[in-house]
N, C-alpha and C. Protein backbone atom coordinates (compact mmCIF):
# COMPACT_ATOMS: atom_id res chain seq x y z
N MET A 1 112.56 141.38 104.15
CA MET A 1 111.29 141.53 103.47
C MET A 1 111.42 140.92 102.08
N SER A 2 110.67 139.86 101.81
CA SER A 2 110.82 139.20 100.53
C SER A 2 109.74 139.58 99.54
N ASN A 3 108.62 140.09 100.01
CA ASN A 3 107.61 140.61 99.11
C ASN A 3 106.91 141.77 99.78
N LEU A 4 106.21 142.54 99.01
CA LEU A 4 105.59 143.76 99.52
C LEU A 4 104.13 143.73 99.16
N GLU A 5 103.28 143.98 100.11
CA GLU A 5 101.85 144.02 99.90
C GLU A 5 101.41 145.49 99.83
N ILE A 6 100.34 145.74 99.10
CA ILE A 6 99.80 147.09 99.00
C ILE A 6 99.52 147.65 100.39
N ASP A 7 99.03 146.83 101.30
CA ASP A 7 98.71 147.29 102.66
C ASP A 7 99.94 147.75 103.42
N ASP A 8 101.14 147.34 102.98
CA ASP A 8 102.38 147.74 103.63
C ASP A 8 102.87 149.10 103.13
N MET A 9 102.27 149.60 102.07
CA MET A 9 102.74 150.84 101.45
C MET A 9 101.94 152.03 101.97
N ILE A 10 102.48 153.23 101.81
CA ILE A 10 101.81 154.44 102.29
C ILE A 10 101.09 155.11 101.12
N GLU A 11 99.75 155.05 101.19
CA GLU A 11 98.93 155.68 100.16
C GLU A 11 98.90 157.18 100.39
N VAL A 12 98.95 157.93 99.29
CA VAL A 12 98.93 159.39 99.38
C VAL A 12 97.82 159.95 98.49
N ASP A 13 97.30 161.08 98.92
CA ASP A 13 96.35 161.84 98.10
C ASP A 13 97.14 162.96 97.46
N LEU A 14 97.02 163.09 96.15
CA LEU A 14 97.77 164.11 95.43
C LEU A 14 97.04 165.45 95.52
N LEU A 15 97.77 166.49 95.87
CA LEU A 15 97.22 167.83 95.94
C LEU A 15 97.63 168.67 94.73
N VAL A 16 98.53 168.13 93.92
CA VAL A 16 99.00 168.79 92.70
C VAL A 16 99.09 167.73 91.60
N ASP A 17 99.40 168.17 90.42
CA ASP A 17 99.55 167.27 89.27
C ASP A 17 100.63 166.22 89.57
N PRO A 18 100.40 164.95 89.21
CA PRO A 18 101.40 163.91 89.46
C PRO A 18 102.77 164.23 88.86
N LYS A 19 102.81 164.95 87.75
CA LYS A 19 104.09 165.31 87.12
C LYS A 19 104.94 166.16 88.05
N ILE A 20 104.31 167.03 88.83
CA ILE A 20 105.04 167.88 89.77
C ILE A 20 105.66 167.02 90.87
N ILE A 21 104.90 166.06 91.36
CA ILE A 21 105.42 165.18 92.41
C ILE A 21 106.55 164.31 91.88
N LYS A 22 106.39 163.78 90.69
CA LYS A 22 107.45 162.96 90.09
C LYS A 22 108.74 163.76 89.91
N GLU A 23 108.59 164.99 89.42
CA GLU A 23 109.77 165.83 89.21
C GLU A 23 110.43 166.17 90.55
N THR A 24 109.62 166.47 91.55
CA THR A 24 110.15 166.79 92.88
C THR A 24 110.88 165.58 93.46
N LEU A 25 110.28 164.41 93.36
CA LEU A 25 110.92 163.19 93.88
C LEU A 25 112.24 162.91 93.16
N SER A 26 112.35 163.30 91.90
CA SER A 26 113.59 163.06 91.16
C SER A 26 114.74 163.89 91.69
N ARG A 27 114.44 164.87 92.55
CA ARG A 27 115.47 165.76 93.10
C ARG A 27 115.71 165.51 94.60
N ILE A 28 115.18 164.41 95.13
CA ILE A 28 115.35 164.11 96.55
C ILE A 28 115.96 162.72 96.69
N GLY A 29 117.03 162.63 97.49
CA GLY A 29 117.64 161.32 97.69
C GLY A 29 118.99 161.40 98.32
N VAL A 30 119.87 160.54 97.84
CA VAL A 30 121.24 160.45 98.35
C VAL A 30 122.15 161.10 97.31
N ALA A 31 123.01 162.01 97.79
CA ALA A 31 123.84 162.78 96.86
C ALA A 31 125.32 162.52 97.07
N ASN A 32 126.03 162.47 95.96
CA ASN A 32 127.48 162.53 95.97
C ASN A 32 127.81 163.95 95.54
N LYS A 33 128.04 164.82 96.52
CA LYS A 33 128.24 166.24 96.24
C LYS A 33 129.52 166.51 95.46
N LYS A 34 130.55 165.70 95.70
CA LYS A 34 131.82 165.89 95.00
C LYS A 34 131.66 165.64 93.50
N GLU A 35 130.96 164.56 93.16
CA GLU A 35 130.76 164.19 91.75
C GLU A 35 129.50 164.84 91.16
N LYS A 36 128.68 165.45 92.01
CA LYS A 36 127.39 166.03 91.60
C LYS A 36 126.49 164.99 90.95
N ILE A 37 126.32 163.89 91.70
CA ILE A 37 125.41 162.83 91.27
C ILE A 37 124.35 162.68 92.35
N LEU A 38 123.10 162.66 91.93
CA LEU A 38 121.99 162.45 92.86
C LEU A 38 121.31 161.13 92.53
N TYR A 39 121.08 160.33 93.56
CA TYR A 39 120.38 159.05 93.43
C TYR A 39 119.01 159.20 94.09
N PRO A 40 117.95 159.42 93.30
CA PRO A 40 116.63 159.57 93.90
C PRO A 40 116.24 158.33 94.69
N SER A 41 115.63 158.55 95.85
CA SER A 41 115.27 157.44 96.73
C SER A 41 113.87 156.90 96.49
N CYS A 42 112.93 157.77 96.15
CA CYS A 42 111.53 157.37 96.10
C CYS A 42 110.87 157.73 94.78
N TYR A 43 109.76 157.04 94.53
CA TYR A 43 108.99 157.24 93.31
C TYR A 43 107.51 157.28 93.64
N LEU A 44 106.75 157.89 92.75
CA LEU A 44 105.30 157.88 92.85
C LEU A 44 104.81 156.67 92.08
N TYR A 45 104.15 155.77 92.80
CA TYR A 45 103.68 154.52 92.20
C TYR A 45 102.16 154.54 92.08
N PRO A 46 101.63 154.57 90.85
CA PRO A 46 100.18 154.51 90.67
C PRO A 46 99.71 153.07 90.64
N ASN A 47 98.58 152.81 91.30
CA ASN A 47 98.05 151.45 91.31
C ASN A 47 96.53 151.55 91.44
N PHE A 48 95.82 151.23 90.37
CA PHE A 48 94.36 151.24 90.36
C PHE A 48 93.79 152.55 90.90
N GLU A 49 94.19 153.65 90.29
CA GLU A 49 93.71 155.00 90.61
C GLU A 49 94.09 155.46 92.02
N LYS A 50 94.99 154.76 92.68
CA LYS A 50 95.54 155.19 93.95
C LYS A 50 97.02 155.45 93.74
N PHE A 51 97.61 156.25 94.62
CA PHE A 51 99.02 156.58 94.51
C PHE A 51 99.75 156.26 95.80
N TYR A 52 100.98 155.83 95.66
CA TYR A 52 101.83 155.48 96.79
C TYR A 52 103.21 156.09 96.57
N ILE A 53 103.85 156.51 97.67
CA ILE A 53 105.25 156.91 97.59
C ILE A 53 106.04 155.69 98.05
N VAL A 54 106.92 155.19 97.17
CA VAL A 54 107.66 153.97 97.48
C VAL A 54 109.15 154.19 97.28
N HIS A 55 109.93 153.51 98.10
CA HIS A 55 111.38 153.52 97.96
C HIS A 55 111.73 152.69 96.73
N PHE A 56 112.82 153.03 96.06
CA PHE A 56 113.16 152.29 94.83
C PHE A 56 113.36 150.80 95.11
N LYS A 57 113.83 150.44 96.30
CA LYS A 57 114.00 149.02 96.62
C LYS A 57 112.65 148.33 96.75
N GLU A 58 111.64 149.07 97.19
CA GLU A 58 110.29 148.51 97.24
C GLU A 58 109.77 148.26 95.82
N MET A 59 110.18 149.12 94.87
CA MET A 59 109.76 148.92 93.48
C MET A 59 110.30 147.59 92.94
N PHE A 60 111.51 147.24 93.35
CA PHE A 60 112.05 145.93 92.95
C PHE A 60 111.20 144.80 93.54
N LEU A 61 110.77 144.96 94.78
CA LEU A 61 109.93 143.94 95.41
C LEU A 61 108.57 143.82 94.72
N ILE A 62 108.05 144.96 94.26
CA ILE A 62 106.75 144.96 93.59
C ILE A 62 106.82 144.34 92.20
N THR A 63 107.90 144.61 91.48
CA THR A 63 107.96 144.26 90.06
C THR A 63 108.73 142.99 89.73
N ARG A 64 109.46 142.45 90.68
CA ARG A 64 110.27 141.26 90.39
C ARG A 64 110.03 140.19 91.44
N PRO A 65 109.78 138.97 91.01
CA PRO A 65 109.52 137.90 91.98
C PRO A 65 110.68 137.66 92.94
N ASP A 66 111.91 137.82 92.45
CA ASP A 66 113.07 137.59 93.32
C ASP A 66 113.39 138.82 94.16
N GLY A 67 112.83 139.97 93.78
CA GLY A 67 112.94 141.19 94.58
C GLY A 67 114.35 141.70 94.82
N TYR A 68 114.42 142.70 95.63
CA TYR A 68 115.68 143.35 96.00
C TYR A 68 115.70 143.29 97.51
N MET A 69 116.21 142.22 98.05
CA MET A 69 115.97 141.83 99.43
C MET A 69 116.64 142.66 100.52
N ASN A 70 117.33 143.72 100.18
CA ASN A 70 118.08 144.43 101.21
C ASN A 70 117.46 145.78 101.60
N LEU A 71 116.15 145.86 101.65
CA LEU A 71 115.47 147.06 102.12
C LEU A 71 115.74 147.19 103.61
N SER A 72 116.34 148.31 104.01
CA SER A 72 116.76 148.48 105.40
C SER A 72 115.84 149.43 106.15
N ASP A 73 116.01 149.46 107.46
CA ASP A 73 115.28 150.42 108.29
C ASP A 73 115.65 151.85 107.89
N GLU A 74 116.89 152.07 107.50
CA GLU A 74 117.34 153.39 107.06
C GLU A 74 116.61 153.81 105.77
N ASP A 75 116.41 152.85 104.86
CA ASP A 75 115.67 153.14 103.63
C ASP A 75 114.24 153.57 103.95
N ILE A 76 113.60 152.86 104.86
CA ILE A 76 112.22 153.17 105.24
C ILE A 76 112.16 154.54 105.93
N ALA A 77 113.14 154.81 106.81
CA ALA A 77 113.18 156.11 107.49
C ALA A 77 113.36 157.24 106.47
N ARG A 78 114.19 157.02 105.46
CA ARG A 78 114.40 158.04 104.42
C ARG A 78 113.10 158.26 103.66
N LYS A 79 112.40 157.19 103.33
CA LYS A 79 111.11 157.32 102.63
C LYS A 79 110.13 158.14 103.46
N LYS A 80 110.04 157.86 104.75
CA LYS A 80 109.13 158.60 105.63
C LYS A 80 109.50 160.08 105.68
N SER A 81 110.78 160.37 105.70
CA SER A 81 111.23 161.77 105.71
C SER A 81 110.86 162.47 104.41
N ILE A 82 110.99 161.77 103.31
CA ILE A 82 110.62 162.34 102.01
C ILE A 82 109.12 162.59 101.96
N ILE A 83 108.33 161.66 102.44
CA ILE A 83 106.88 161.85 102.49
C ILE A 83 106.54 163.05 103.35
N TYR A 84 107.24 163.19 104.48
CA TYR A 84 106.99 164.33 105.36
C TYR A 84 107.31 165.65 104.66
N CYS A 85 108.39 165.68 103.89
CA CYS A 85 108.71 166.89 103.11
C CYS A 85 107.58 167.22 102.14
N LEU A 86 107.10 166.22 101.41
CA LEU A 86 106.01 166.44 100.45
C LEU A 86 104.76 166.93 101.16
N LEU A 87 104.50 166.43 102.36
CA LEU A 87 103.37 166.91 103.16
C LEU A 87 103.54 168.37 103.53
N GLN A 88 104.74 168.73 104.01
CA GLN A 88 105.01 170.11 104.42
C GLN A 88 104.89 171.08 103.25
N TRP A 89 105.25 170.63 102.07
CA TRP A 89 105.19 171.48 100.88
C TRP A 89 103.80 171.48 100.25
N ASN A 90 102.84 170.81 100.88
CA ASN A 90 101.45 170.74 100.41
C ASN A 90 101.33 170.15 99.01
N LEU A 91 102.16 169.15 98.72
CA LEU A 91 102.07 168.44 97.45
C LEU A 91 101.19 167.20 97.57
N ILE A 92 101.15 166.63 98.78
CA ILE A 92 100.36 165.42 99.05
C ILE A 92 99.68 165.56 100.40
N ASN A 93 98.77 164.63 100.65
CA ASN A 93 98.21 164.46 101.98
C ASN A 93 98.10 162.96 102.21
N ILE A 94 98.09 162.55 103.46
CA ILE A 94 97.89 161.14 103.80
C ILE A 94 96.87 161.06 104.93
N HIS A 95 96.22 159.92 104.99
CA HIS A 95 95.21 159.70 106.03
C HIS A 95 95.85 159.84 107.41
N GLY A 96 95.20 160.59 108.27
CA GLY A 96 95.67 160.72 109.65
C GLY A 96 96.52 161.94 109.93
N VAL A 97 96.88 162.70 108.90
CA VAL A 97 97.65 163.92 109.12
C VAL A 97 96.69 165.01 109.61
N GLU A 98 97.09 165.68 110.67
CA GLU A 98 96.29 166.78 111.19
C GLU A 98 96.99 168.09 110.88
N ARG A 99 96.20 169.08 110.47
CA ARG A 99 96.72 170.40 110.12
C ARG A 99 95.93 171.46 110.87
N ASP A 100 96.57 172.60 111.14
CA ASP A 100 95.85 173.72 111.76
C ASP A 100 95.13 174.51 110.68
N ASP A 101 94.48 175.60 111.06
CA ASP A 101 93.70 176.41 110.12
C ASP A 101 94.55 177.02 109.01
N ASN A 102 95.85 177.15 109.24
CA ASN A 102 96.75 177.69 108.23
C ASN A 102 97.37 176.61 107.34
N GLY A 103 97.00 175.35 107.56
CA GLY A 103 97.52 174.25 106.77
C GLY A 103 98.81 173.65 107.30
N LYS A 104 99.31 174.18 108.42
CA LYS A 104 100.55 173.65 108.99
C LYS A 104 100.28 172.31 109.68
N ILE A 105 101.19 171.36 109.49
CA ILE A 105 101.04 170.03 110.07
C ILE A 105 101.20 170.12 111.58
N THR A 106 100.22 169.58 112.30
CA THR A 106 100.28 169.57 113.76
C THR A 106 100.50 168.17 114.31
N ASN A 107 100.15 167.14 113.54
CA ASN A 107 100.34 165.77 113.99
C ASN A 107 100.36 164.84 112.79
N VAL A 108 101.21 163.81 112.86
CA VAL A 108 101.25 162.79 111.81
C VAL A 108 100.95 161.43 112.44
N PRO A 109 100.40 160.51 111.66
CA PRO A 109 100.11 159.18 112.21
C PRO A 109 101.40 158.44 112.59
N ASP A 110 101.27 157.51 113.51
CA ASP A 110 102.42 156.75 114.00
C ASP A 110 103.18 156.04 112.89
N TYR A 111 102.46 155.57 111.85
CA TYR A 111 103.16 154.83 110.79
C TYR A 111 104.10 155.70 109.98
N LEU A 112 104.04 157.02 110.16
CA LEU A 112 104.95 157.92 109.46
C LEU A 112 106.12 158.34 110.34
N LYS A 113 106.18 157.82 111.54
CA LYS A 113 107.27 158.17 112.47
C LYS A 113 108.29 157.05 112.49
N PRO A 114 109.57 157.31 112.67
CA PRO A 114 110.15 158.65 112.70
C PRO A 114 110.26 159.20 111.29
N HIS A 115 110.29 160.50 111.17
CA HIS A 115 110.43 161.14 109.85
C HIS A 115 111.52 162.21 109.91
N ASP A 116 112.59 161.91 110.66
CA ASP A 116 113.65 162.89 110.85
C ASP A 116 114.98 162.48 110.22
N LYS A 117 114.94 161.57 109.28
CA LYS A 117 116.14 161.15 108.56
C LYS A 117 116.54 162.24 107.57
N PHE A 118 117.82 162.60 107.55
CA PHE A 118 118.29 163.63 106.62
C PHE A 118 118.11 163.14 105.18
N VAL A 119 117.58 164.01 104.35
CA VAL A 119 117.50 163.73 102.91
C VAL A 119 118.05 164.95 102.17
N PHE A 120 118.69 164.69 101.07
CA PHE A 120 119.24 165.76 100.24
C PHE A 120 118.16 166.18 99.25
N VAL A 121 117.92 167.50 99.17
CA VAL A 121 116.96 168.04 98.21
C VAL A 121 117.71 168.97 97.28
N LEU A 122 117.73 168.62 96.02
CA LEU A 122 118.39 169.43 95.00
C LEU A 122 117.44 170.52 94.54
N ARG A 123 117.89 171.75 94.60
CA ARG A 123 117.05 172.86 94.13
C ARG A 123 116.80 172.70 92.63
N SER A 124 115.60 173.06 92.22
CA SER A 124 115.25 172.88 90.80
C SER A 124 116.14 173.70 89.88
N ASP A 125 116.60 174.86 90.34
CA ASP A 125 117.47 175.68 89.48
C ASP A 125 118.90 175.14 89.39
N GLU A 126 119.23 174.12 90.18
CA GLU A 126 120.56 173.51 90.12
C GLU A 126 120.54 172.15 89.41
N LYS A 127 119.36 171.69 89.06
CA LYS A 127 119.20 170.36 88.46
C LYS A 127 120.07 170.17 87.21
N GLN A 128 120.19 171.22 86.41
CA GLN A 128 120.95 171.12 85.16
C GLN A 128 122.43 170.85 85.37
N PHE A 129 122.93 171.12 86.58
CA PHE A 129 124.35 170.95 86.87
C PHE A 129 124.67 169.59 87.50
N TRP A 130 123.66 168.78 87.70
CA TRP A 130 123.82 167.49 88.37
C TRP A 130 123.42 166.36 87.44
N ASP A 131 124.03 165.20 87.68
CA ASP A 131 123.63 163.96 87.01
C ASP A 131 122.65 163.26 87.94
N ILE A 132 121.44 163.03 87.47
CA ILE A 132 120.46 162.30 88.28
C ILE A 132 120.46 160.87 87.80
N SER A 133 120.88 159.99 88.70
CA SER A 133 121.07 158.58 88.35
C SER A 133 120.02 157.72 89.06
N HIS A 134 119.05 157.25 88.29
CA HIS A 134 117.96 156.44 88.85
C HIS A 134 118.41 154.98 88.99
N LYS A 135 118.10 154.41 90.13
CA LYS A 135 118.42 153.00 90.36
C LYS A 135 117.27 152.09 89.94
N PHE A 136 116.13 152.69 89.63
CA PHE A 136 114.97 151.93 89.15
C PHE A 136 114.38 152.69 87.97
N ASN A 137 114.00 151.95 86.94
CA ASN A 137 113.40 152.55 85.75
C ASN A 137 111.88 152.43 85.84
N MET A 138 111.22 153.55 86.19
CA MET A 138 109.76 153.53 86.33
C MET A 138 109.07 153.25 84.99
N ASN A 139 109.74 153.47 83.89
CA ASN A 139 109.14 153.17 82.58
C ASN A 139 109.03 151.68 82.33
N SER A 140 109.67 150.87 83.18
CA SER A 140 109.64 149.43 82.98
C SER A 140 108.44 148.75 83.61
N ILE A 141 107.62 149.50 84.36
CA ILE A 141 106.48 148.87 85.02
C ILE A 141 105.22 149.07 84.19
N ILE A 142 104.32 148.13 84.32
CA ILE A 142 103.01 148.23 83.68
C ILE A 142 102.05 148.70 84.76
N VAL A 143 101.42 149.84 84.51
CA VAL A 143 100.53 150.43 85.50
C VAL A 143 99.13 149.87 85.31
N PRO A 144 98.57 149.24 86.38
CA PRO A 144 97.20 148.73 86.26
C PRO A 144 96.21 149.89 86.21
N GLU A 145 95.12 149.69 85.48
CA GLU A 145 94.12 150.75 85.37
C GLU A 145 92.84 150.35 86.04
């Protein structure tokens, strides 16, 4: 994948303040438990009043012409699993998700499958004991309005 189009990304509807989603995403990813280092996998990407959950490698594709060309199927599966977690926790919603009367997810659209890749979730009360190492600096992007 050499470039990324908006249509290729998964748009989400926010059910809580964006700050809560950003903080939650900062605690989900790949962990080195021995060293207590967490590498967050995904970010909340705002674009013209819409929001997307994107893998950090997708952020390189969005923000740099030469991109970060090694986005793998495993990266995409991890992103889908993270989105599914956010759905289950009622932080976001996406088009095509079906819920029962109690809000429990009963069906997800095909583009979110598979969503069974293991992801590490750091509890918020343990965050102070871990080094969170971001591979992408979200402060470096210019957000369109």
